[in-house]
Amino acid sequence: MASLTIDDLDDEVMQRLTARAARHGRSPAEEARALIAVKTLEKPAGETPDDAPVQSSDRRPTQGWDDDKERRLRRILALGRKPDWPFDQKAETDALWNFVE
């Protein structure tokens, strides 16, 4: 993984980033990574994906490509984060069923 250091970040920007991270249950570093991922993975309007077939007549993707679906998928994936601690999914499910019974 690569790393990035941002110097001279405005205090207000950092405060807003920290508040946003708290709302999403993340650290400021995790929030910054998510924001960067979302913005860099989005394709600007009118730009086609690198591997999409392009019609020469109008430079748009051919049938079957749904740019909006791809954009939404990338935003959802960028929201994913690892759990704060390891957990046993089977034990959690068993505990839930024991509670229901």
N, C-alpha and C. Protein backbone atom coordinates (compact mmCIF):
# COMPACT_ATOMS: atom_id res chain seq x y z
N MET A 1 0.83 -1.18 0.00
CA MET A 1 0.00 0.00 0.00
C MET A 1 0.88 1.25 0.00
N ALA A 2 0.42 2.23 -0.69
CA ALA A 2 1.12 3.50 -0.71
C ALA A 2 0.66 4.35 0.46
N SER A 3 1.44 5.36 0.78
CA SER A 3 1.03 6.27 1.84
C SER A 3 1.12 7.70 1.33
N LEU A 4 0.40 8.58 2.00
CA LEU A 4 0.32 9.97 1.59
C LEU A 4 0.36 10.83 2.84
N THR A 5 1.20 11.86 2.82
CA THR A 5 1.26 12.82 3.92
C THR A 5 0.79 14.16 3.39
N ILE A 6 -0.12 14.78 4.10
CA ILE A 6 -0.66 16.08 3.68
C ILE A 6 -0.16 17.13 4.66
N ASP A 7 0.65 18.04 4.18
CA ASP A 7 1.18 19.12 5.00
C ASP A 7 0.28 20.34 4.89
N ASP A 8 0.31 21.17 5.91
CA ASP A 8 -0.38 22.46 5.93
C ASP A 8 -1.88 22.34 5.66
N LEU A 9 -2.52 21.35 6.27
CA LEU A 9 -3.96 21.19 6.15
C LEU A 9 -4.63 22.22 7.07
N ASP A 10 -5.57 22.95 6.51
CA ASP A 10 -6.28 23.98 7.26
C ASP A 10 -6.97 23.37 8.48
N ASP A 11 -6.94 24.06 9.61
CA ASP A 11 -7.53 23.54 10.84
C ASP A 11 -9.02 23.25 10.70
N GLU A 12 -9.74 24.14 10.00
CA GLU A 12 -11.16 23.94 9.81
C GLU A 12 -11.43 22.68 8.99
N VAL A 13 -10.62 22.44 7.98
CA VAL A 13 -10.77 21.23 7.15
C VAL A 13 -10.56 20.00 8.02
N MET A 14 -9.55 20.03 8.88
CA MET A 14 -9.28 18.89 9.74
C MET A 14 -10.41 18.67 10.74
N GLN A 15 -10.97 19.75 11.27
CA GLN A 15 -12.09 19.64 12.20
C GLN A 15 -13.31 19.01 11.52
N ARG A 16 -13.57 19.45 10.29
CA ARG A 16 -14.71 18.91 9.55
C ARG A 16 -14.48 17.44 9.19
N LEU A 17 -13.26 17.10 8.83
CA LEU A 17 -12.92 15.71 8.52
C LEU A 17 -13.10 14.84 9.76
N THR A 18 -12.65 15.33 10.90
CA THR A 18 -12.78 14.58 12.15
C THR A 18 -14.26 14.40 12.52
N ALA A 19 -15.06 15.44 12.36
CA ALA A 19 -16.49 15.34 12.67
C ALA A 19 -17.18 14.37 11.71
N ARG A 20 -16.84 14.45 10.45
CA ARG A 20 -17.42 13.53 9.45
C ARG A 20 -17.04 12.09 9.77
N ALA A 21 -15.78 11.89 10.14
CA ALA A 21 -15.31 10.55 10.49
C ALA A 21 -16.06 10.01 11.69
N ALA A 22 -16.30 10.85 12.68
CA ALA A 22 -17.03 10.42 13.88
C ALA A 22 -18.45 10.02 13.52
N ARG A 23 -19.09 10.76 12.62
CA ARG A 23 -20.46 10.41 12.20
C ARG A 23 -20.50 9.05 11.53
N HIS A 24 -19.42 8.70 10.82
CA HIS A 24 -19.37 7.42 10.11
C HIS A 24 -18.69 6.32 10.92
N GLY A 25 -18.29 6.63 12.15
CA GLY A 25 -17.66 5.62 12.99
C GLY A 25 -16.28 5.22 12.52
N ARG A 26 -15.53 6.16 11.98
CA ARG A 26 -14.20 5.89 11.45
C ARG A 26 -13.19 6.84 12.07
N SER A 27 -11.93 6.52 11.88
CA SER A 27 -10.87 7.46 12.24
C SER A 27 -10.77 8.50 11.13
N PRO A 28 -10.16 9.65 11.39
CA PRO A 28 -9.97 10.64 10.32
C PRO A 28 -9.18 10.07 9.14
N ALA A 29 -8.21 9.21 9.41
CA ALA A 29 -7.42 8.61 8.33
C ALA A 29 -8.29 7.70 7.47
N GLU A 30 -9.16 6.89 8.11
CA GLU A 30 -10.06 6.02 7.36
C GLU A 30 -11.04 6.84 6.53
N GLU A 31 -11.53 7.93 7.11
CA GLU A 31 -12.47 8.79 6.39
C GLU A 31 -11.79 9.43 5.18
N ALA A 32 -10.56 9.88 5.36
CA ALA A 32 -9.82 10.48 4.23
C ALA A 32 -9.60 9.45 3.13
N ARG A 33 -9.25 8.21 3.52
CA ARG A 33 -9.07 7.15 2.51
C ARG A 33 -10.37 6.89 1.76
N ALA A 34 -11.49 6.85 2.48
CA ALA A 34 -12.77 6.61 1.83
C ALA A 34 -13.13 7.73 0.87
N LEU A 35 -12.92 8.96 1.29
CA LEU A 35 -13.21 10.11 0.42
C LEU A 35 -12.34 10.09 -0.84
N ILE A 36 -11.07 9.81 -0.65
CA ILE A 36 -10.16 9.77 -1.80
C ILE A 36 -10.56 8.64 -2.73
N ALA A 37 -10.90 7.48 -2.18
CA ALA A 37 -11.31 6.34 -3.01
C ALA A 37 -12.55 6.66 -3.82
N VAL A 38 -13.55 7.26 -3.16
CA VAL A 38 -14.79 7.58 -3.87
C VAL A 38 -14.52 8.56 -5.00
N LYS A 39 -13.79 9.60 -4.70
CA LYS A 39 -13.57 10.65 -5.71
C LYS A 39 -12.65 10.21 -6.84
N THR A 40 -11.67 9.39 -6.56
CA THR A 40 -10.76 8.98 -7.63
C THR A 40 -11.32 7.84 -8.45
N LEU A 41 -12.24 7.05 -7.90
CA LEU A 41 -12.82 5.96 -8.66
C LEU A 41 -13.99 6.39 -9.50
N GLU A 42 -14.58 7.54 -9.18
CA GLU A 42 -15.68 8.06 -9.99
C GLU A 42 -15.13 8.53 -11.33
N LYS A 43 -15.90 8.25 -12.38
CA LYS A 43 -15.53 8.76 -13.69
C LYS A 43 -16.27 10.08 -13.92
N PRO A 44 -15.58 11.10 -14.39
CA PRO A 44 -16.29 12.36 -14.70
C PRO A 44 -17.36 12.12 -15.75
N ALA A 45 -18.39 12.94 -15.72
CA ALA A 45 -19.49 12.79 -16.66
C ALA A 45 -18.95 12.80 -18.09
N GLY A 46 -19.41 11.86 -18.87
CA GLY A 46 -18.99 11.79 -20.27
C GLY A 46 -17.75 10.96 -20.49
N GLU A 47 -17.03 10.61 -19.45
CA GLU A 47 -15.83 9.79 -19.60
C GLU A 47 -16.22 8.32 -19.53
N THR A 48 -15.66 7.52 -20.40
CA THR A 48 -16.00 6.10 -20.41
C THR A 48 -14.99 5.31 -19.61
N PRO A 49 -15.39 4.16 -19.08
CA PRO A 49 -14.43 3.30 -18.39
C PRO A 49 -13.35 2.84 -19.36
N ASP A 50 -12.18 2.55 -18.83
CA ASP A 50 -11.05 2.19 -19.67
C ASP A 50 -11.31 0.94 -20.51
N ASP A 51 -12.05 -0.02 -19.97
CA ASP A 51 -12.24 -1.28 -20.69
C ASP A 51 -13.59 -1.37 -21.40
N ALA A 52 -14.38 -0.30 -21.38
CA ALA A 52 -15.69 -0.35 -22.03
C ALA A 52 -15.53 -0.18 -23.54
N PRO A 53 -16.24 -1.00 -24.33
CA PRO A 53 -16.21 -0.80 -25.78
C PRO A 53 -16.84 0.54 -26.13
N VAL A 54 -16.27 1.22 -27.07
CA VAL A 54 -16.74 2.55 -27.44
C VAL A 54 -17.19 2.55 -28.88
N GLN A 55 -18.36 3.13 -29.12
CA GLN A 55 -18.83 3.29 -30.49
C GLN A 55 -18.13 4.50 -31.08
N SER A 56 -17.65 4.35 -32.27
CA SER A 56 -16.90 5.45 -32.88
C SER A 56 -17.80 6.64 -33.21
N SER A 57 -19.11 6.39 -33.38
CA SER A 57 -19.98 7.48 -33.80
C SER A 57 -20.19 8.53 -32.71
N ASP A 58 -20.40 8.10 -31.46
CA ASP A 58 -20.69 9.09 -30.43
C ASP A 58 -19.78 8.99 -29.21
N ARG A 59 -18.80 8.11 -29.22
CA ARG A 59 -17.82 7.95 -28.15
C ARG A 59 -18.47 7.62 -26.81
N ARG A 60 -19.60 6.95 -26.84
CA ARG A 60 -20.26 6.49 -25.62
C ARG A 60 -20.13 4.98 -25.53
N PRO A 61 -20.23 4.41 -24.32
CA PRO A 61 -20.14 2.95 -24.20
C PRO A 61 -21.27 2.27 -24.96
N THR A 62 -21.01 1.07 -25.42
CA THR A 62 -22.04 0.33 -26.13
C THR A 62 -23.09 -0.16 -25.17
N GLN A 63 -24.12 -0.77 -25.70
CA GLN A 63 -25.24 -1.26 -24.90
C GLN A 63 -24.75 -2.18 -23.79
N GLY A 64 -25.43 -2.14 -22.66
CA GLY A 64 -25.10 -3.04 -21.57
C GLY A 64 -24.29 -2.39 -20.46
N TRP A 65 -23.65 -1.29 -20.74
CA TRP A 65 -22.85 -0.63 -19.71
C TRP A 65 -23.73 0.37 -18.99
N ASP A 66 -23.77 0.28 -17.67
CA ASP A 66 -24.58 1.20 -16.87
C ASP A 66 -23.63 1.98 -15.97
N ASP A 67 -23.24 3.16 -16.41
CA ASP A 67 -22.26 3.97 -15.69
C ASP A 67 -22.77 4.35 -14.29
N ASP A 68 -24.05 4.60 -14.17
CA ASP A 68 -24.61 4.98 -12.88
C ASP A 68 -24.50 3.81 -11.89
N LYS A 69 -24.74 2.60 -12.36
CA LYS A 69 -24.61 1.42 -11.50
C LYS A 69 -23.17 1.25 -11.03
N GLU A 70 -22.24 1.42 -11.93
CA GLU A 70 -20.82 1.29 -11.59
C GLU A 70 -20.41 2.34 -10.56
N ARG A 71 -20.87 3.57 -10.74
CA ARG A 71 -20.55 4.65 -9.81
C ARG A 71 -21.11 4.34 -8.42
N ARG A 72 -22.35 3.89 -8.37
CA ARG A 72 -22.96 3.55 -7.08
C ARG A 72 -22.24 2.39 -6.41
N LEU A 73 -21.87 1.39 -7.19
CA LEU A 73 -21.15 0.24 -6.64
C LEU A 73 -19.82 0.68 -6.03
N ARG A 74 -19.08 1.51 -6.71
CA ARG A 74 -17.80 1.98 -6.19
C ARG A 74 -17.97 2.80 -4.92
N ARG A 75 -19.03 3.61 -4.84
CA ARG A 75 -19.28 4.39 -3.62
C ARG A 75 -19.61 3.47 -2.45
N ILE A 76 -20.41 2.43 -2.72
CA ILE A 76 -20.76 1.49 -1.66
C ILE A 76 -19.52 0.74 -1.18
N LEU A 77 -18.69 0.28 -2.11
CA LEU A 77 -17.48 -0.44 -1.73
C LEU A 77 -16.52 0.44 -0.95
N ALA A 78 -16.50 1.72 -1.26
CA ALA A 78 -15.60 2.63 -0.54
C ALA A 78 -16.05 2.84 0.90
N LEU A 79 -17.31 2.59 1.19
CA LEU A 79 -17.80 2.74 2.56
C LEU A 79 -17.41 1.57 3.46
N GLY A 80 -17.07 0.46 2.84
CA GLY A 80 -16.72 -0.72 3.62
C GLY A 80 -15.48 -0.50 4.46
N ARG A 81 -15.48 -1.07 5.63
CA ARG A 81 -14.31 -0.98 6.48
C ARG A 81 -14.19 -2.26 7.28
N LYS A 82 -13.01 -2.55 7.72
CA LYS A 82 -12.77 -3.73 8.53
C LYS A 82 -13.33 -3.50 9.93
N PRO A 83 -13.79 -4.58 10.58
CA PRO A 83 -14.28 -4.42 11.96
C PRO A 83 -13.16 -3.96 12.88
N ASP A 84 -13.54 -3.27 13.96
CA ASP A 84 -12.55 -2.77 14.91
C ASP A 84 -11.86 -3.90 15.67
N TRP A 85 -12.52 -5.06 15.79
CA TRP A 85 -11.92 -6.20 16.47
C TRP A 85 -12.37 -7.46 15.73
N PRO A 86 -11.59 -8.52 15.79
CA PRO A 86 -12.01 -9.75 15.12
C PRO A 86 -13.25 -10.33 15.80
N PHE A 87 -14.11 -10.95 15.03
CA PHE A 87 -15.29 -11.56 15.62
C PHE A 87 -15.59 -12.88 14.91
N ASP A 88 -16.26 -13.75 15.62
CA ASP A 88 -16.64 -15.06 15.11
C ASP A 88 -18.10 -14.96 14.65
N GLN A 89 -18.31 -15.00 13.36
CA GLN A 89 -19.65 -14.81 12.83
C GLN A 89 -20.60 -15.91 13.31
N LYS A 90 -20.12 -17.16 13.39
CA LYS A 90 -20.98 -18.24 13.85
C LYS A 90 -21.41 -18.01 15.29
N ALA A 91 -20.49 -17.60 16.15
CA ALA A 91 -20.83 -17.34 17.54
C ALA A 91 -21.86 -16.21 17.64
N GLU A 92 -21.69 -15.18 16.83
CA GLU A 92 -22.65 -14.07 16.84
C GLU A 92 -24.03 -14.54 16.39
N THR A 93 -24.08 -15.36 15.35
CA THR A 93 -25.35 -15.89 14.85
C THR A 93 -26.01 -16.79 15.89
N ASP A 94 -25.21 -17.66 16.51
CA ASP A 94 -25.76 -18.53 17.57
C ASP A 94 -26.33 -17.71 18.71
N ALA A 95 -25.61 -16.67 19.11
CA ALA A 95 -26.11 -15.82 20.20
C ALA A 95 -27.43 -15.15 19.82
N LEU A 96 -27.53 -14.74 18.58
CA LEU A 96 -28.77 -14.11 18.10
C LEU A 96 -29.93 -15.11 18.14
N TRP A 97 -29.69 -16.33 17.67
CA TRP A 97 -30.75 -17.34 17.67
C TRP A 97 -31.12 -17.73 19.09
N ASN A 98 -30.14 -17.80 19.99
CA ASN A 98 -30.44 -18.12 21.39
C ASN A 98 -31.32 -17.03 22.01
N PHE A 99 -31.08 -15.80 21.61
CA PHE A 99 -31.89 -14.68 22.11
C PHE A 99 -33.32 -14.79 21.59
N VAL A 100 -33.48 -15.16 20.32
CA VAL A 100 -34.80 -15.25 19.69
C VAL A 100 -35.60 -16.39 20.28
N GLU A 101 -34.94 -17.51 20.57
CA GLU A 101 -35.66 -18.69 21.11
C GLU A 101 -36.07 -18.39 22.48
